[in-house]
């Protein structure tokens, strides 16, 4: 389980947990998760989403449906019968989550140790995984060719998504997709609804209605 920034660098990584544990279950037992849950992670102060807004919104992370939604963690709307604005919101979150997916894909493509199951002790496998993540971040900063043109998913002028090169040649790390059945608090739902409204008003992009 990892937190990835917009530049494809790993911000937080937790390795070594049993694969049957969901992402939401992993984050709950990490120091990162505890700090996020009690509000002491050190995130910037809430700020308006748009210069004309007066309501300050919290800084948020984007997760999939495995996570429990909170004031600082957005997740998609569930169900098959979604309203138009809910579908747009889910599309925008899906675009954002591609960054994490591509970071894991590049990591797997560049470090062959992830191409098959590690026949090592959990401690050694964890050490290797963390080391590769550190090296990934270092090379991302220092080497222009580490993530070259076309290496990650890209969007053309018509806003069609094209698969990054890593998808064609490598198997990506398996995601953890078990859903956590937790009821989000009212504040978390209000934050999600506010972002949904923003994505359909001041924060909209011209092509989203057709996606």
N, C-alpha and C. Protein backbone atom coordinates (compact mmCIF):
# COMPACT_ATOMS: atom_id res chain seq x y z
N UNK A 1 0.85 -1.17 0.00
CA UNK A 1 0.00 0.00 0.00
C UNK A 1 0.89 1.22 0.00
N UNK A 2 0.54 2.22 -0.83
CA UNK A 2 1.40 3.39 -0.95
C UNK A 2 0.58 4.64 -1.21
N UNK A 3 1.19 5.77 -0.88
CA UNK A 3 0.68 7.08 -1.26
C UNK A 3 1.65 7.63 -2.30
N UNK A 4 1.11 8.07 -3.43
CA UNK A 4 1.94 8.54 -4.54
C UNK A 4 1.57 9.98 -4.87
N UNK A 5 2.59 10.82 -5.11
CA UNK A 5 2.37 12.19 -5.50
C UNK A 5 2.14 12.32 -6.99
N UNK A 6 1.78 13.52 -7.44
CA UNK A 6 1.47 13.75 -8.84
C UNK A 6 2.67 13.56 -9.76
N UNK A 7 3.88 13.52 -9.20
CA UNK A 7 5.10 13.34 -9.98
C UNK A 7 5.55 11.89 -10.05
N UNK A 8 4.67 10.96 -9.68
CA UNK A 8 4.94 9.51 -9.70
C UNK A 8 5.95 9.08 -8.65
N UNK A 9 6.17 9.88 -7.64
CA UNK A 9 7.09 9.51 -6.56
C UNK A 9 6.29 9.00 -5.36
N UNK A 10 6.87 8.01 -4.68
CA UNK A 10 6.22 7.44 -3.51
C UNK A 10 6.42 8.35 -2.30
N UNK A 11 5.32 8.71 -1.66
CA UNK A 11 5.37 9.55 -0.46
C UNK A 11 5.38 8.69 0.79
N UNK A 12 4.60 7.62 0.77
CA UNK A 12 4.54 6.68 1.89
C UNK A 12 4.34 5.28 1.33
N UNK A 13 5.07 4.32 1.86
CA UNK A 13 4.94 2.93 1.43
C UNK A 13 4.86 2.04 2.66
N UNK A 14 3.93 1.10 2.66
CA UNK A 14 3.86 0.10 3.72
C UNK A 14 3.88 -1.26 3.04
N UNK A 15 4.93 -2.03 3.26
CA UNK A 15 5.09 -3.33 2.62
C UNK A 15 5.12 -4.43 3.68
N UNK A 16 4.82 -5.64 3.24
CA UNK A 16 4.96 -6.78 4.13
C UNK A 16 3.69 -7.27 4.77
N UNK A 17 2.57 -6.59 4.52
CA UNK A 17 1.30 -7.04 5.09
C UNK A 17 0.72 -8.15 4.23
N UNK A 18 0.06 -9.11 4.84
CA UNK A 18 -0.56 -10.22 4.12
C UNK A 18 -1.44 -9.70 2.99
N UNK A 19 -1.30 -10.31 1.81
CA UNK A 19 -2.02 -9.86 0.64
C UNK A 19 -3.53 -9.94 0.74
N UNK A 20 -4.04 -10.72 1.69
CA UNK A 20 -5.49 -10.81 1.85
C UNK A 20 -6.06 -9.63 2.63
N UNK A 21 -5.20 -8.80 3.18
CA UNK A 21 -5.67 -7.62 3.90
C UNK A 21 -5.90 -6.50 2.90
N UNK A 22 -7.05 -5.84 2.96
CA UNK A 22 -7.36 -4.78 2.01
C UNK A 22 -6.50 -3.56 2.25
N UNK A 23 -6.44 -2.66 1.22
CA UNK A 23 -5.73 -1.40 1.38
C UNK A 23 -6.24 -0.64 2.60
N UNK A 24 -7.58 -0.65 2.77
CA UNK A 24 -8.14 0.04 3.92
C UNK A 24 -7.69 -0.55 5.23
N UNK A 25 -7.54 -1.89 5.27
CA UNK A 25 -7.05 -2.53 6.48
C UNK A 25 -5.60 -2.24 6.75
N UNK A 26 -4.79 -2.13 5.67
CA UNK A 26 -3.37 -1.81 5.82
C UNK A 26 -3.18 -0.41 6.38
N UNK A 27 -3.87 0.56 5.79
CA UNK A 27 -3.66 1.95 6.21
C UNK A 27 -4.07 2.16 7.66
N UNK A 28 -5.02 1.37 8.14
CA UNK A 28 -5.51 1.54 9.51
C UNK A 28 -4.45 1.23 10.55
N UNK A 29 -3.46 0.40 10.20
CA UNK A 29 -2.45 0.00 11.19
C UNK A 29 -1.10 0.68 10.95
N UNK A 30 -1.04 1.61 10.00
CA UNK A 30 0.21 2.33 9.76
C UNK A 30 0.24 3.63 10.56
N UNK A 31 1.45 4.14 10.78
CA UNK A 31 1.59 5.44 11.44
C UNK A 31 0.92 6.52 10.62
N UNK A 32 1.06 6.44 9.30
CA UNK A 32 0.40 7.39 8.41
C UNK A 32 -1.11 7.38 8.64
N UNK A 33 -1.70 6.18 8.68
CA UNK A 33 -3.14 6.08 8.87
C UNK A 33 -3.59 6.62 10.21
N UNK A 34 -2.82 6.36 11.24
CA UNK A 34 -3.19 6.86 12.57
C UNK A 34 -3.14 8.39 12.61
N UNK A 35 -2.10 8.96 12.00
CA UNK A 35 -1.98 10.42 12.00
C UNK A 35 -3.08 11.05 11.15
N UNK A 36 -3.41 10.41 10.03
CA UNK A 36 -4.49 10.91 9.19
C UNK A 36 -5.81 10.85 9.93
N UNK A 37 -6.03 9.77 10.66
CA UNK A 37 -7.30 9.57 11.36
C UNK A 37 -7.49 10.56 12.49
N UNK A 38 -6.41 10.88 13.21
CA UNK A 38 -6.58 11.80 14.35
C UNK A 38 -6.28 13.26 13.99
N UNK A 39 -6.03 13.53 12.70
CA UNK A 39 -5.87 14.91 12.26
C UNK A 39 -4.52 15.53 12.54
N UNK A 40 -3.51 14.71 12.84
CA UNK A 40 -2.19 15.26 13.19
C UNK A 40 -1.13 14.94 12.13
N UNK A 41 -1.56 14.70 10.89
CA UNK A 41 -0.62 14.36 9.82
C UNK A 41 0.20 15.56 9.37
N UNK A 42 -0.26 16.77 9.67
CA UNK A 42 0.47 17.96 9.25
C UNK A 42 0.10 18.46 7.87
N UNK A 43 -1.14 18.18 7.45
CA UNK A 43 -1.60 18.67 6.15
C UNK A 43 -1.76 20.19 6.20
N UNK A 44 -1.67 20.85 5.03
CA UNK A 44 -1.91 22.30 5.00
C UNK A 44 -3.30 22.64 5.51
N UNK A 45 -3.46 23.87 5.94
CA UNK A 45 -4.76 24.31 6.42
C UNK A 45 -5.77 24.31 5.27
N UNK A 46 -7.04 24.05 5.55
CA UNK A 46 -8.07 24.08 4.50
C UNK A 46 -8.04 25.41 3.75
N UNK A 47 -8.37 25.34 2.46
CA UNK A 47 -8.35 26.52 1.60
C UNK A 47 -9.45 26.41 0.57
N UNK A 48 -9.93 27.54 0.02
CA UNK A 48 -10.97 27.48 -1.01
C UNK A 48 -10.48 26.74 -2.25
N UNK A 49 -11.37 26.03 -2.93
CA UNK A 49 -11.02 25.34 -4.16
C UNK A 49 -10.86 26.30 -5.32
N UNK A 50 -11.55 27.43 -5.26
CA UNK A 50 -11.53 28.42 -6.34
C UNK A 50 -11.40 29.80 -5.72
N UNK A 51 -10.78 30.71 -6.48
CA UNK A 51 -10.53 32.04 -5.92
C UNK A 51 -11.80 32.80 -5.56
N UNK A 52 -12.92 32.41 -6.16
CA UNK A 52 -14.18 33.08 -5.86
C UNK A 52 -14.96 32.41 -4.74
N UNK A 53 -14.45 31.29 -4.25
CA UNK A 53 -15.13 30.58 -3.16
C UNK A 53 -14.78 31.20 -1.81
N UNK A 54 -15.70 31.08 -0.88
CA UNK A 54 -15.44 31.55 0.48
C UNK A 54 -15.30 30.38 1.44
N UNK A 55 -15.76 29.20 1.03
CA UNK A 55 -15.69 28.03 1.89
C UNK A 55 -14.33 27.35 1.76
N UNK A 56 -13.66 27.15 2.88
CA UNK A 56 -12.36 26.46 2.87
C UNK A 56 -12.59 24.96 2.88
N UNK A 57 -11.88 24.26 1.99
CA UNK A 57 -12.00 22.81 1.89
C UNK A 57 -10.70 22.15 2.34
N UNK A 58 -10.79 20.98 2.97
CA UNK A 58 -9.58 20.30 3.43
C UNK A 58 -8.77 19.74 2.27
N UNK A 59 -7.47 19.62 2.46
CA UNK A 59 -6.62 18.91 1.51
C UNK A 59 -6.94 17.42 1.61
N UNK A 60 -6.96 16.75 0.45
CA UNK A 60 -7.44 15.37 0.43
C UNK A 60 -6.49 14.44 -0.32
N UNK A 61 -6.55 13.16 0.04
CA UNK A 61 -5.95 12.08 -0.73
C UNK A 61 -7.07 11.42 -1.53
N UNK A 62 -6.70 10.71 -2.58
CA UNK A 62 -7.67 10.00 -3.42
C UNK A 62 -7.44 8.51 -3.27
N UNK A 63 -8.48 7.78 -2.93
CA UNK A 63 -8.37 6.33 -2.78
C UNK A 63 -9.46 5.63 -3.56
N UNK A 64 -9.37 4.30 -3.65
CA UNK A 64 -10.42 3.55 -4.31
C UNK A 64 -11.42 3.07 -3.26
N UNK A 65 -12.31 2.17 -3.68
CA UNK A 65 -13.41 1.79 -2.80
C UNK A 65 -12.97 0.91 -1.64
N UNK A 66 -11.71 0.47 -1.63
CA UNK A 66 -11.22 -0.34 -0.51
C UNK A 66 -11.06 0.48 0.76
N UNK A 67 -10.94 1.79 0.61
CA UNK A 67 -10.66 2.64 1.76
C UNK A 67 -11.95 3.16 2.39
N UNK A 68 -11.86 3.45 3.66
CA UNK A 68 -12.96 4.12 4.35
C UNK A 68 -12.85 5.62 4.07
N UNK A 69 -13.93 6.21 3.60
CA UNK A 69 -13.92 7.64 3.28
C UNK A 69 -13.80 8.46 4.56
N UNK A 70 -13.04 9.54 4.47
CA UNK A 70 -12.91 10.44 5.61
C UNK A 70 -12.85 11.86 5.09
N UNK A 71 -12.73 12.81 5.99
CA UNK A 71 -12.67 14.22 5.61
C UNK A 71 -11.48 14.50 4.70
N UNK A 72 -10.40 13.73 4.84
CA UNK A 72 -9.19 13.95 4.05
C UNK A 72 -8.92 12.84 3.04
N UNK A 73 -9.89 11.98 2.79
CA UNK A 73 -9.70 10.89 1.83
C UNK A 73 -10.96 10.72 0.99
N UNK A 74 -10.85 11.04 -0.29
CA UNK A 74 -11.97 10.91 -1.20
C UNK A 74 -12.02 9.52 -1.82
N UNK A 75 -13.20 8.99 -2.01
CA UNK A 75 -13.39 7.72 -2.70
C UNK A 75 -14.57 7.86 -3.65
N UNK A 76 -14.72 6.95 -4.60
CA UNK A 76 -15.80 7.09 -5.59
C UNK A 76 -17.18 6.85 -4.99
N UNK A 77 -18.18 7.32 -5.72
CA UNK A 77 -19.56 6.95 -5.41
C UNK A 77 -19.77 5.51 -5.88
N UNK A 78 -20.46 4.72 -5.08
CA UNK A 78 -20.72 3.33 -5.44
C UNK A 78 -22.06 3.15 -6.12
N UNK A 79 -22.25 1.99 -6.71
CA UNK A 79 -23.52 1.67 -7.34
C UNK A 79 -23.49 1.83 -8.85
N UNK A 80 -24.51 1.27 -9.51
CA UNK A 80 -24.59 1.31 -10.97
C UNK A 80 -25.46 2.45 -11.49
N UNK A 81 -26.36 2.93 -10.67
CA UNK A 81 -27.29 3.98 -11.12
C UNK A 81 -26.87 5.31 -10.51
N UNK A 82 -25.87 5.90 -11.11
CA UNK A 82 -25.34 7.16 -10.60
C UNK A 82 -25.90 8.34 -11.39
N UNK A 83 -26.04 9.46 -10.71
CA UNK A 83 -26.41 10.69 -11.40
C UNK A 83 -25.22 11.17 -12.24
N UNK A 84 -25.52 12.06 -13.19
CA UNK A 84 -24.48 12.54 -14.10
C UNK A 84 -23.31 13.17 -13.36
N UNK A 85 -23.60 13.99 -12.35
CA UNK A 85 -22.51 14.65 -11.62
C UNK A 85 -21.70 13.66 -10.80
N UNK A 86 -22.33 12.58 -10.34
CA UNK A 86 -21.60 11.55 -9.61
C UNK A 86 -20.67 10.77 -10.54
N UNK A 87 -21.13 10.50 -11.77
CA UNK A 87 -20.28 9.83 -12.75
C UNK A 87 -19.07 10.70 -13.11
N UNK A 88 -19.30 12.00 -13.26
CA UNK A 88 -18.19 12.91 -13.56
C UNK A 88 -17.19 12.92 -12.41
N UNK A 89 -17.69 12.99 -11.20
CA UNK A 89 -16.81 12.94 -10.03
C UNK A 89 -15.98 11.66 -10.04
N UNK A 90 -16.61 10.52 -10.29
CA UNK A 90 -15.88 9.25 -10.32
C UNK A 90 -14.84 9.24 -11.43
N UNK A 91 -15.17 9.83 -12.58
CA UNK A 91 -14.21 9.92 -13.69
C UNK A 91 -12.99 10.74 -13.29
N UNK A 92 -13.22 11.85 -12.62
CA UNK A 92 -12.10 12.71 -12.21
C UNK A 92 -11.21 12.01 -11.19
N UNK A 93 -11.82 11.27 -10.28
CA UNK A 93 -11.02 10.50 -9.31
C UNK A 93 -10.25 9.39 -10.01
N UNK A 94 -10.89 8.74 -10.98
CA UNK A 94 -10.21 7.67 -11.71
C UNK A 94 -8.98 8.19 -12.43
N UNK A 95 -9.10 9.37 -13.03
CA UNK A 95 -7.94 9.99 -13.69
C UNK A 95 -6.82 10.24 -12.70
N UNK A 96 -7.17 10.72 -11.54
CA UNK A 96 -6.15 11.01 -10.52
C UNK A 96 -5.48 9.73 -10.03
N UNK A 97 -6.26 8.66 -9.88
CA UNK A 97 -5.69 7.41 -9.37
C UNK A 97 -4.77 6.73 -10.37
N UNK A 98 -4.85 7.12 -11.64
CA UNK A 98 -3.95 6.55 -12.65
C UNK A 98 -2.49 6.84 -12.31
N UNK A 99 -2.23 7.93 -11.62
CA UNK A 99 -0.85 8.26 -11.25
C UNK A 99 -0.27 7.16 -10.38
N UNK A 100 -1.02 6.73 -9.38
CA UNK A 100 -0.55 5.66 -8.51
C UNK A 100 -0.37 4.36 -9.28
N UNK A 101 -1.33 4.04 -10.12
CA UNK A 101 -1.25 2.82 -10.92
C UNK A 101 0.00 2.82 -11.81
N UNK A 102 0.29 3.98 -12.40
CA UNK A 102 1.47 4.08 -13.27
C UNK A 102 2.76 4.04 -12.48
N UNK A 103 2.77 4.61 -11.28
CA UNK A 103 3.97 4.54 -10.45
C UNK A 103 4.32 3.09 -10.12
N UNK A 104 3.31 2.31 -9.74
CA UNK A 104 3.54 0.89 -9.47
C UNK A 104 3.95 0.15 -10.75
N UNK A 105 3.35 0.53 -11.88
CA UNK A 105 3.71 -0.11 -13.14
C UNK A 105 5.15 0.13 -13.52
N UNK A 106 5.61 1.38 -13.38
CA UNK A 106 7.01 1.71 -13.69
C UNK A 106 7.94 0.98 -12.73
N UNK A 107 7.58 0.96 -11.45
CA UNK A 107 8.39 0.25 -10.45
C UNK A 107 8.57 -1.21 -10.85
N UNK A 108 7.47 -1.85 -11.25
CA UNK A 108 7.53 -3.25 -11.64
C UNK A 108 8.34 -3.45 -12.91
N UNK A 109 8.19 -2.54 -13.87
CA UNK A 109 8.90 -2.67 -15.14
C UNK A 109 10.40 -2.45 -14.98
N UNK A 110 10.79 -1.56 -14.09
CA UNK A 110 12.21 -1.21 -13.96
C UNK A 110 12.96 -2.17 -13.03
N UNK A 111 12.26 -2.77 -12.09
CA UNK A 111 12.91 -3.67 -11.13
C UNK A 111 12.34 -5.07 -11.31
N UNK A 112 13.14 -5.93 -11.96
CA UNK A 112 12.68 -7.26 -12.34
C UNK A 112 12.31 -8.15 -11.17
N UNK A 113 12.74 -7.80 -9.97
CA UNK A 113 12.43 -8.63 -8.81
C UNK A 113 10.93 -8.75 -8.59
N UNK A 114 10.16 -7.77 -9.11
CA UNK A 114 8.71 -7.79 -8.93
C UNK A 114 7.99 -8.59 -10.01
N UNK A 115 8.74 -9.17 -10.94
CA UNK A 115 8.12 -9.90 -12.04
C UNK A 115 7.63 -11.29 -11.65
N UNK A 116 8.03 -11.74 -10.49
CA UNK A 116 7.57 -13.04 -10.00
C UNK A 116 7.56 -13.01 -8.48
N UNK A 117 6.96 -14.01 -7.89
CA UNK A 117 6.89 -14.07 -6.43
C UNK A 117 8.30 -14.18 -5.84
N UNK A 118 8.55 -13.42 -4.78
CA UNK A 118 9.85 -13.46 -4.11
C UNK A 118 9.92 -14.69 -3.20
N UNK A 119 10.88 -15.55 -3.44
CA UNK A 119 11.08 -16.72 -2.59
C UNK A 119 12.02 -16.35 -1.44
N UNK A 120 11.56 -15.41 -0.63
CA UNK A 120 12.36 -14.86 0.46
C UNK A 120 11.52 -14.76 1.71
N UNK A 121 12.18 -14.54 2.82
CA UNK A 121 11.45 -14.30 4.06
C UNK A 121 10.69 -12.98 3.94
N UNK A 122 9.59 -12.82 4.68
CA UNK A 122 8.85 -11.56 4.63
C UNK A 122 9.72 -10.35 4.95
N UNK A 123 10.67 -10.52 5.87
CA UNK A 123 11.53 -9.39 6.26
C UNK A 123 12.41 -8.96 5.08
N UNK A 124 13.01 -9.94 4.38
CA UNK A 124 13.87 -9.60 3.25
C UNK A 124 13.06 -9.05 2.08
N UNK A 125 11.88 -9.62 1.85
CA UNK A 125 11.03 -9.13 0.77
C UNK A 125 10.60 -7.69 1.04
N UNK A 126 10.29 -7.38 2.29
CA UNK A 126 9.93 -6.01 2.66
C UNK A 126 11.09 -5.07 2.44
N UNK A 127 12.30 -5.47 2.86
CA UNK A 127 13.48 -4.64 2.69
C UNK A 127 13.75 -4.36 1.21
N UNK A 128 13.64 -5.38 0.38
CA UNK A 128 13.86 -5.20 -1.06
C UNK A 128 12.82 -4.26 -1.66
N UNK A 129 11.57 -4.44 -1.27
CA UNK A 129 10.50 -3.59 -1.79
C UNK A 129 10.72 -2.13 -1.41
N UNK A 130 11.04 -1.88 -0.15
CA UNK A 130 11.28 -0.50 0.29
C UNK A 130 12.49 0.10 -0.40
N UNK A 131 13.55 -0.70 -0.58
CA UNK A 131 14.75 -0.21 -1.26
C UNK A 131 14.44 0.18 -2.70
N UNK A 132 13.67 -0.65 -3.39
CA UNK A 132 13.31 -0.34 -4.77
C UNK A 132 12.47 0.94 -4.85
N UNK A 133 11.61 1.16 -3.87
CA UNK A 133 10.81 2.39 -3.86
C UNK A 133 11.70 3.61 -3.65
N UNK A 134 12.70 3.50 -2.76
CA UNK A 134 13.65 4.59 -2.57
C UNK A 134 14.42 4.86 -3.86
N UNK A 135 14.89 3.79 -4.51
CA UNK A 135 15.63 3.95 -5.76
C UNK A 135 14.74 4.54 -6.86
N UNK A 136 13.49 4.12 -6.89
CA UNK A 136 12.53 4.69 -7.85
C UNK A 136 12.45 6.20 -7.68
N UNK A 137 12.28 6.66 -6.45
CA UNK A 137 12.19 8.10 -6.20
C UNK A 137 13.48 8.82 -6.59
N UNK A 138 14.62 8.22 -6.26
CA UNK A 138 15.92 8.82 -6.59
C UNK A 138 16.07 8.96 -8.11
N UNK A 139 15.78 7.88 -8.83
CA UNK A 139 15.93 7.90 -10.28
C UNK A 139 14.90 8.82 -10.93
N UNK A 140 13.73 8.91 -10.34
CA UNK A 140 12.70 9.82 -10.87
C UNK A 140 13.22 11.26 -10.83
N UNK A 141 13.95 11.60 -9.78
CA UNK A 141 14.48 12.96 -9.65
C UNK A 141 15.73 13.19 -10.49
N UNK A 142 16.59 12.17 -10.59
CA UNK A 142 17.93 12.37 -11.15
C UNK A 142 18.08 11.94 -12.60
N UNK A 143 17.22 11.08 -13.09
CA UNK A 143 17.41 10.53 -14.43
C UNK A 143 16.23 10.89 -15.33
N UNK A 144 16.51 11.61 -16.40
CA UNK A 144 15.44 11.99 -17.33
C UNK A 144 14.89 10.80 -18.10
N UNK A 145 15.70 9.77 -18.27
CA UNK A 145 15.26 8.62 -19.07
C UNK A 145 14.59 7.54 -18.23
N UNK A 146 14.54 7.72 -16.92
CA UNK A 146 13.91 6.69 -16.08
C UNK A 146 12.43 6.54 -16.43
N UNK A 147 11.74 7.66 -16.58
CA UNK A 147 10.37 7.66 -17.08
C UNK A 147 10.36 8.50 -18.34
N UNK A 148 10.62 7.86 -19.47
CA UNK A 148 10.70 8.57 -20.73
C UNK A 148 9.35 8.80 -21.37
N UNK A 149 9.32 9.46 -22.54
CA UNK A 149 8.06 9.69 -23.25
C UNK A 149 7.35 8.38 -23.56
N UNK A 150 6.08 8.32 -23.26
CA UNK A 150 5.28 7.13 -23.53
C UNK A 150 5.39 6.05 -22.48
N UNK A 151 6.21 6.26 -21.46
CA UNK A 151 6.38 5.23 -20.44
C UNK A 151 5.13 5.06 -19.58
N UNK A 152 4.44 6.16 -19.31
CA UNK A 152 3.22 6.10 -18.50
C UNK A 152 2.01 6.40 -19.38
N UNK A 153 0.83 6.15 -18.87
CA UNK A 153 -0.40 6.45 -19.61
C UNK A 153 -0.40 7.92 -20.02
N UNK A 154 -0.88 8.19 -21.22
CA UNK A 154 -0.91 9.57 -21.69
C UNK A 154 -2.22 9.86 -22.42
N UNK A 155 -2.52 11.13 -22.51
CA UNK A 155 -3.79 11.58 -23.06
C UNK A 155 -3.52 12.40 -24.31
N UNK A 156 -4.22 12.07 -25.42
CA UNK A 156 -3.99 12.80 -26.66
C UNK A 156 -4.86 14.06 -26.72
N UNK A 157 -4.80 14.76 -27.87
CA UNK A 157 -5.51 16.03 -28.00
C UNK A 157 -7.02 15.87 -27.91
N UNK A 158 -7.51 14.67 -28.18
CA UNK A 158 -8.94 14.41 -28.08
C UNK A 158 -9.33 13.83 -26.71
N UNK A 159 -8.36 13.86 -25.79
CA UNK A 159 -8.55 13.38 -24.42
C UNK A 159 -8.84 11.89 -24.34
N UNK A 160 -8.30 11.16 -25.31
CA UNK A 160 -8.34 9.70 -25.27
C UNK A 160 -7.10 9.22 -24.52
N UNK A 161 -7.30 8.27 -23.62
CA UNK A 161 -6.19 7.74 -22.84
C UNK A 161 -5.50 6.62 -23.60
N UNK A 162 -4.17 6.63 -23.58
CA UNK A 162 -3.36 5.60 -24.22
C UNK A 162 -2.49 4.93 -23.16
N UNK A 163 -2.35 3.63 -23.29
CA UNK A 163 -1.61 2.86 -22.29
C UNK A 163 -0.13 3.16 -22.34
N UNK A 164 0.47 3.28 -21.16
CA UNK A 164 1.91 3.44 -21.07
C UNK A 164 2.64 2.18 -21.50
N UNK A 165 3.90 2.33 -21.88
CA UNK A 165 4.68 1.20 -22.38
C UNK A 165 4.78 0.07 -21.36
N UNK A 166 4.79 0.40 -20.09
CA UNK A 166 4.95 -0.63 -19.06
C UNK A 166 3.80 -1.65 -19.10
N UNK A 167 2.62 -1.23 -19.55
CA UNK A 167 1.48 -2.14 -19.57
C UNK A 167 1.65 -3.26 -20.59
N UNK A 168 2.36 -2.95 -21.69
CA UNK A 168 2.51 -3.93 -22.76
C UNK A 168 3.56 -4.99 -22.44
N UNK A 169 4.53 -4.63 -21.62
CA UNK A 169 5.67 -5.53 -21.45
C UNK A 169 5.78 -6.15 -20.06
N UNK A 170 5.05 -5.65 -19.11
CA UNK A 170 5.24 -6.12 -17.75
C UNK A 170 3.90 -6.40 -17.09
N UNK A 171 3.91 -7.29 -16.14
CA UNK A 171 2.73 -7.49 -15.29
C UNK A 171 2.82 -6.52 -14.12
N UNK A 172 1.75 -5.83 -13.84
CA UNK A 172 1.76 -4.88 -12.74
C UNK A 172 1.53 -5.58 -11.42
N UNK A 173 1.94 -4.92 -10.36
CA UNK A 173 1.70 -5.47 -9.03
C UNK A 173 0.20 -5.59 -8.79
N UNK A 174 -0.20 -6.67 -8.20
CA UNK A 174 -1.62 -6.86 -7.95
C UNK A 174 -2.11 -5.89 -6.89
N UNK A 175 -3.24 -5.25 -7.20
CA UNK A 175 -3.82 -4.34 -6.24
C UNK A 175 -4.60 -5.09 -5.18
N UNK A 176 -4.87 -4.41 -4.09
CA UNK A 176 -5.68 -4.98 -3.02
C UNK A 176 -7.05 -4.35 -3.11
N UNK A 177 -8.06 -5.17 -3.37
CA UNK A 177 -9.34 -4.60 -3.73
C UNK A 177 -10.49 -5.01 -2.80
N UNK A 178 -10.23 -5.63 -1.70
CA UNK A 178 -11.32 -6.00 -0.79
C UNK A 178 -11.97 -4.75 -0.23
N UNK A 179 -13.28 -4.69 -0.30
CA UNK A 179 -13.98 -3.48 0.12
C UNK A 179 -14.20 -3.47 1.62
N UNK A 180 -13.97 -2.31 2.21
CA UNK A 180 -14.21 -2.13 3.64
C UNK A 180 -15.61 -1.57 3.83
N UNK A 181 -16.46 -2.27 4.54
CA UNK A 181 -17.82 -1.80 4.77
C UNK A 181 -17.86 -0.89 6.00
N UNK A 182 -17.53 0.36 5.75
CA UNK A 182 -17.54 1.33 6.85
C UNK A 182 -18.44 2.49 6.46
N UNK A 183 -19.18 3.00 7.42
CA UNK A 183 -20.04 4.13 7.17
C UNK A 183 -19.25 5.43 7.34
N UNK A 184 -19.25 6.24 6.29
CA UNK A 184 -18.54 7.51 6.36
C UNK A 184 -19.33 8.49 7.21
N UNK A 185 -18.62 9.34 7.92
CA UNK A 185 -19.26 10.37 8.72
C UNK A 185 -19.88 11.44 7.85
N UNK A 186 -20.75 12.24 8.44
CA UNK A 186 -21.45 13.27 7.69
C UNK A 186 -20.48 14.28 7.09
N UNK A 187 -19.43 14.65 7.82
CA UNK A 187 -18.45 15.61 7.31
C UNK A 187 -17.77 15.08 6.06
N UNK A 188 -17.40 13.79 6.08
CA UNK A 188 -16.75 13.18 4.92
C UNK A 188 -17.66 13.21 3.71
N UNK A 189 -18.94 12.93 3.91
CA UNK A 189 -19.89 12.96 2.79
C UNK A 189 -20.06 14.37 2.25
N UNK A 190 -20.08 15.35 3.14
CA UNK A 190 -20.21 16.74 2.70
C UNK A 190 -18.99 17.18 1.90
N UNK A 191 -17.80 16.75 2.32
CA UNK A 191 -16.58 17.08 1.58
C UNK A 191 -16.64 16.46 0.19
N UNK A 192 -17.03 15.19 0.10
CA UNK A 192 -17.13 14.55 -1.21
C UNK A 192 -18.14 15.26 -2.10
N UNK A 193 -19.29 15.62 -1.54
CA UNK A 193 -20.31 16.31 -2.32
C UNK A 193 -19.81 17.67 -2.79
N UNK A 194 -19.00 18.34 -1.97
CA UNK A 194 -18.46 19.64 -2.35
C UNK A 194 -17.49 19.50 -3.52
N UNK A 195 -16.65 18.48 -3.50
CA UNK A 195 -15.75 18.24 -4.64
C UNK A 195 -16.54 17.85 -5.88
N UNK A 196 -17.59 17.07 -5.71
CA UNK A 196 -18.45 16.71 -6.84
C UNK A 196 -19.03 17.97 -7.48
N UNK A 197 -19.52 18.88 -6.66
CA UNK A 197 -20.07 20.14 -7.17
C UNK A 197 -18.98 20.96 -7.87
N UNK A 198 -17.79 21.01 -7.29
CA UNK A 198 -16.69 21.78 -7.88
C UNK A 198 -16.31 21.23 -9.25
N UNK A 199 -16.25 19.90 -9.38
CA UNK A 199 -15.87 19.29 -10.66
C UNK A 199 -16.90 19.57 -11.75
N UNK A 200 -18.11 19.95 -11.37
CA UNK A 200 -19.16 20.22 -12.35
C UNK A 200 -19.43 21.71 -12.52
N UNK A 201 -18.67 22.56 -11.83
CA UNK A 201 -18.86 24.01 -11.95
C UNK A 201 -17.52 24.67 -12.27
N UNK A 202 -16.93 25.38 -11.29
CA UNK A 202 -15.68 26.09 -11.56
C UNK A 202 -14.53 25.17 -11.96
N UNK A 203 -14.54 23.94 -11.47
CA UNK A 203 -13.43 23.03 -11.73
C UNK A 203 -13.66 22.06 -12.88
N UNK A 204 -14.68 22.30 -13.68
CA UNK A 204 -14.97 21.36 -14.76
C UNK A 204 -13.95 21.47 -15.89
N UNK A 205 -13.80 20.39 -16.65
CA UNK A 205 -12.97 20.39 -17.86
C UNK A 205 -13.91 20.12 -19.03
N UNK A 206 -13.61 20.69 -20.22
CA UNK A 206 -14.58 20.68 -21.33
C UNK A 206 -15.03 19.30 -21.78
N UNK A 207 -14.18 18.29 -21.66
CA UNK A 207 -14.48 16.99 -22.25
C UNK A 207 -15.14 16.01 -21.28
N UNK A 208 -15.33 16.40 -20.03
CA UNK A 208 -15.74 15.40 -19.04
C UNK A 208 -17.17 14.89 -19.26
N UNK A 209 -18.04 15.71 -19.85
CA UNK A 209 -19.43 15.29 -20.02
C UNK A 209 -19.56 14.10 -20.97
N UNK A 210 -18.59 13.94 -21.87
CA UNK A 210 -18.68 12.85 -22.83
C UNK A 210 -17.96 11.60 -22.40
N UNK A 211 -17.40 11.58 -21.18
CA UNK A 211 -16.63 10.43 -20.74
C UNK A 211 -17.53 9.40 -20.06
